[in-house]
Amino acid sequence: MKAAPKTRKTSEGPRLSREDWIDAAFKAVVDGGFDNVRVLVLADKLGVTRGSFYWHFADHAELVSDLLKQWRDYQREQDRIARSEIDPDPQKDLERLIEIALRHGGKDLEYMRFELALRGYGRRDAEVAKMLVDVDQERMDMVKEKYMRLTNNDAQKSQELASLFYLAIVGSYQALSRPVNPPMIREYLKSIIANYLVQEQQAVRGKKR
C-alpha cells in the first residue's frame, strides 16, 4: 500500500496580501529581532512557498523597507494625535502623555519590543540610525512644546526637561519589555515620572506666580 502523498504548499500569490507579509515580518521582529525576518521562515509560518513572497516583493530588502515605512507612518500619526490633543491644564496634559507613552506597548508589549529591536538594528544600519534620530527629535520637540506651558515659556528648561522625560520613557520601555517584572511596574514607572518631571515642576511654576 502506497503512503499518502504529502500535502504541498502552493504559492497562490493573490491569496496573501502584501500586508499579510508585512504583519508576519513585524511579528517576527517582535519575537526575535530583525535577524528573524527570513523569507523561508515567514513562508512556513504563513503556510505558503516563497513564490507568494515574490508575487508582492522584489526581495527581502523591499520587505524590510516597507515594514520600516509602515512603522514610521504609524509613529507620525501617534505624534500628530499627541500634539493635537491638548488639555487646558499643562500638568494633566503631560501626565496624559506619560499614560499614552507607557501604553504604547499594547497588550503584549509588541510595539515596545519592536522599537527596542529597531534600535538594535540601527546600530548596524546607518539609514535606520538616521531615521531613529529624526523620530527621537520629533518626539522631544513635541514634549518640549508641552513643557513650555509648564515652565512659563522657559525654552532651555523645557528642552532639558523634555530630554529627561524622553530618556525616562525609553528606559521604561527597556524595563517593561523584560520577560518577568514586579507587579504593577507600569504604574510605578508612570508615578515616578509624573512626580519628579511633572508635578514638582508644576509646584515650582505655582510658586513663581
Protein backbone atom coordinates (compact mmCIF):
# COMPACT_ATOMS: atom_id res chain seq x y z
CA MET A 1 0.00 0.00 0.00
CA LYS A 2 1.44 3.33 -1.06
CA ALA A 3 1.86 6.08 1.53
CA ALA A 4 -0.43 9.05 1.07
CA PRO A 5 1.36 11.87 -0.74
CA LYS A 6 2.46 14.77 1.43
CA THR A 7 0.44 17.93 1.18
CA ARG A 8 2.44 20.51 -0.73
CA LYS A 9 2.30 24.21 -0.18
CA THR A 10 1.29 26.31 -3.14
CA SER A 11 2.44 29.82 -3.85
CA GLU A 12 -1.00 31.16 -4.82
CA GLY A 13 0.27 34.71 -4.57
CA PRO A 14 -3.05 36.59 -4.77
CA ARG A 15 -4.40 34.80 -1.67
CA LEU A 16 -1.94 36.56 0.61
CA SER A 17 -1.75 40.32 0.57
CA ARG A 18 1.34 42.49 0.88
CA GLU A 19 0.04 43.48 4.32
CA ASP A 20 -0.02 39.82 5.41
CA TRP A 21 3.71 39.57 4.74
CA ILE A 22 4.45 42.88 6.47
CA ASP A 23 2.41 41.81 9.51
CA ALA A 24 4.28 38.50 9.61
CA ALA A 25 7.60 40.36 9.42
CA PHE A 26 6.50 42.66 12.27
CA LYS A 27 5.68 39.65 14.47
CA ALA A 28 9.00 38.03 13.57
CA VAL A 29 10.86 41.15 14.75
CA VAL A 30 8.85 41.21 17.99
CA ASP A 31 9.70 37.56 18.60
CA GLY A 32 13.38 37.57 17.68
CA GLY A 33 14.65 40.81 16.19
CA PHE A 34 15.37 41.75 12.58
CA ASP A 35 17.58 38.71 12.00
CA ASN A 36 14.39 36.70 12.44
CA VAL A 37 12.87 38.22 9.29
CA ARG A 38 13.74 35.46 6.80
CA VAL A 39 11.64 34.72 3.75
CA LEU A 40 11.59 30.92 4.18
CA VAL A 41 10.69 31.18 7.87
CA LEU A 42 7.88 33.64 7.15
CA ALA A 43 6.60 31.46 4.29
CA ASP A 44 6.46 28.43 6.61
CA LYS A 45 4.52 30.38 9.21
CA LEU A 46 2.10 31.66 6.57
CA GLY A 47 1.72 28.21 5.03
CA VAL A 48 2.92 29.14 1.53
CA THR A 49 6.02 28.84 -0.64
CA ARG A 50 8.47 31.58 -1.49
CA GLY A 51 6.55 32.18 -4.70
CA SER A 52 3.90 34.05 -2.71
CA PHE A 53 6.55 36.38 -1.33
CA TYR A 54 7.98 37.21 -4.76
CA TRP A 55 4.46 37.91 -6.01
CA HIS A 56 4.50 41.02 -3.76
CA PHE A 57 8.16 41.91 -3.16
CA ALA A 58 11.26 42.10 -5.31
CA ASP A 59 13.47 40.91 -2.46
CA HIS A 60 14.00 40.77 1.32
CA ALA A 61 15.25 44.36 1.39
CA GLU A 62 11.97 45.64 -0.03
CA LEU A 63 10.01 43.81 2.67
CA VAL A 64 12.14 45.37 5.42
CA SER A 65 11.89 48.79 3.78
CA ASP A 66 8.07 48.55 3.69
CA LEU A 67 7.98 47.35 7.29
CA LEU A 68 10.04 50.35 8.41
CA LYS A 69 7.89 52.74 6.39
CA GLN A 70 4.74 51.35 7.99
CA TRP A 71 6.26 51.79 11.47
CA ARG A 72 7.38 55.34 10.61
CA ASP A 73 3.92 56.29 9.34
CA TYR A 74 2.35 54.87 12.50
CA GLN A 75 4.71 56.90 14.71
CA ARG A 76 3.95 60.10 12.80
CA GLU A 77 0.23 59.54 13.29
CA GLN A 78 0.71 58.90 17.02
CA ASP A 79 2.76 62.09 17.36
CA ARG A 80 0.14 64.05 15.43
CA ILE A 81 -2.56 62.85 17.82
CA ALA A 82 -0.42 63.67 20.88
CA ARG A 83 0.25 67.18 19.57
CA SER A 84 -3.38 67.88 18.70
CA GLU A 85 -4.98 66.60 21.91
CA ILE A 86 -4.11 69.33 24.40
CA ASP A 87 -5.52 69.52 27.94
CA PRO A 88 -6.04 73.10 29.19
CA ASP A 89 -4.10 72.13 32.34
CA PRO A 90 -0.39 71.71 31.37
CA GLN A 91 0.22 69.26 34.22
CA LYS A 92 -2.64 67.00 33.14
CA ASP A 93 -1.50 67.34 29.55
CA LEU A 94 1.94 65.92 30.36
CA GLU A 95 0.53 63.23 32.65
CA ARG A 96 -1.74 62.14 29.79
CA LEU A 97 1.34 61.95 27.55
CA ILE A 98 3.05 59.62 30.04
CA GLU A 99 -0.04 57.41 30.02
CA ILE A 100 -0.05 57.29 26.21
CA ALA A 101 3.69 56.57 26.01
CA LEU A 102 3.62 53.71 28.53
CA ARG A 103 0.50 52.26 26.95
CA HIS A 104 2.39 52.23 23.63
CA GLY A 105 3.40 48.62 24.11
CA GLY A 106 -0.06 47.24 23.52
CA LYS A 107 -1.47 44.15 25.19
CA ASP A 108 1.63 42.03 24.58
CA LEU A 109 4.14 44.92 24.53
CA GLU A 110 4.67 44.23 20.82
CA TYR A 111 5.27 47.87 19.87
CA MET A 112 7.82 48.36 22.64
CA ARG A 113 9.62 45.16 21.66
CA PHE A 114 9.60 46.15 18.01
CA GLU A 115 11.06 49.57 18.78
CA LEU A 116 13.77 48.11 21.00
CA ALA A 117 14.70 45.65 18.22
CA LEU A 118 14.71 48.52 15.74
CA ARG A 119 17.14 50.48 17.91
CA GLY A 120 19.41 47.44 17.97
CA TYR A 121 19.16 47.23 14.19
CA GLY A 122 20.03 50.92 13.95
CA ARG A 123 23.44 50.23 15.50
CA ARG A 124 24.43 48.39 12.31
CA ASP A 125 22.41 50.22 9.66
CA ALA A 126 23.15 53.89 9.00
CA GLU A 127 19.81 54.64 7.34
CA VAL A 128 17.85 53.15 10.22
CA ALA A 129 20.02 55.08 12.68
CA LYS A 130 19.24 58.33 10.86
CA MET A 131 15.52 57.55 10.88
CA LEU A 132 15.63 56.96 14.63
CA VAL A 133 17.47 60.25 15.21
CA ASP A 134 14.68 62.01 13.32
CA VAL A 135 11.97 60.16 15.28
CA ASP A 136 13.62 60.98 18.61
CA GLN A 137 13.99 64.65 17.69
CA GLU A 138 10.37 64.96 16.59
CA ARG A 139 9.17 63.36 19.81
CA MET A 140 11.36 65.56 22.01
CA ASP A 141 10.22 68.68 20.12
CA MET A 142 6.63 67.70 20.85
CA VAL A 143 7.38 67.13 24.55
CA LYS A 144 9.25 70.43 24.71
CA GLU A 145 6.20 72.24 23.34
CA LYS A 146 4.13 70.80 26.17
CA TYR A 147 6.73 71.74 28.80
CA MET A 148 6.80 75.34 27.57
CA ARG A 149 3.40 75.87 29.18
CA LEU A 150 4.60 74.35 32.44
CA THR A 151 7.80 76.41 32.65
CA ASN A 152 6.32 79.78 31.71
CA ASN A 153 7.99 79.60 28.27
CA ASP A 154 11.49 78.90 29.58
CA ALA A 155 12.95 77.34 26.40
CA GLN A 156 16.16 75.98 27.94
CA LYS A 157 14.44 74.39 30.92
CA SER A 158 11.74 72.96 28.67
CA GLN A 159 14.39 71.39 26.42
CA GLU A 160 16.22 69.87 29.39
CA LEU A 161 13.03 68.52 30.95
CA ALA A 162 11.91 67.12 27.58
CA SER A 163 15.23 65.29 27.25
CA LEU A 164 14.90 63.79 30.75
CA PHE A 165 11.26 62.91 30.09
CA TYR A 166 12.15 61.11 26.87
CA LEU A 167 15.05 59.23 28.44
CA ALA A 168 12.72 58.11 31.24
CA ILE A 169 10.18 56.82 28.72
CA VAL A 170 12.78 54.94 26.65
CA GLY A 171 14.25 53.46 29.85
CA SER A 172 10.75 52.39 30.86
CA TYR A 173 10.42 50.53 27.55
CA GLN A 174 13.52 48.55 28.47
CA ALA A 175 12.10 47.71 31.89
CA LEU A 176 8.60 46.86 30.68
CA SER A 177 9.84 44.55 27.93
CA ARG A 178 11.63 42.20 30.35
CA PRO A 179 10.18 38.66 30.44
CA VAL A 180 9.46 38.97 34.18
CA ASN A 181 8.60 42.14 36.08
CA PRO A 182 7.44 43.07 39.57
CA PRO A 183 3.67 43.56 39.93
CA MET A 184 2.34 47.00 38.96
CA ILE A 185 5.65 48.01 37.35
CA ARG A 186 3.90 50.16 34.72
CA GLU A 187 2.00 52.12 37.38
CA TYR A 188 5.18 52.55 39.41
CA LEU A 189 7.15 53.94 36.47
CA LYS A 190 4.26 56.19 35.49
CA SER A 191 4.00 57.59 39.01
CA ILE A 192 7.69 58.42 39.48
CA ILE A 193 8.00 60.09 36.07
CA ALA A 194 4.88 62.13 36.79
CA ASN A 195 6.05 63.01 40.29
CA TYR A 196 9.57 64.20 39.52
CA LEU A 197 9.23 65.50 35.98
CA VAL A 198 5.72 66.96 36.01
CA GLN A 199 4.17 67.53 39.44
CA GLU A 200 7.31 69.03 41.00
CA GLN A 201 7.67 71.34 38.00
CA GLN A 202 4.07 72.40 38.41
CA ALA A 203 4.77 73.21 42.08
CA VAL A 204 7.74 75.36 41.08
CA ARG A 205 5.58 77.11 38.49
CA GLY A 206 2.95 77.82 41.14
CA LYS A 207 5.50 79.40 43.49
CA LYS A 208 6.70 81.76 40.77
CA ARG A 209 3.27 83.19 40.13
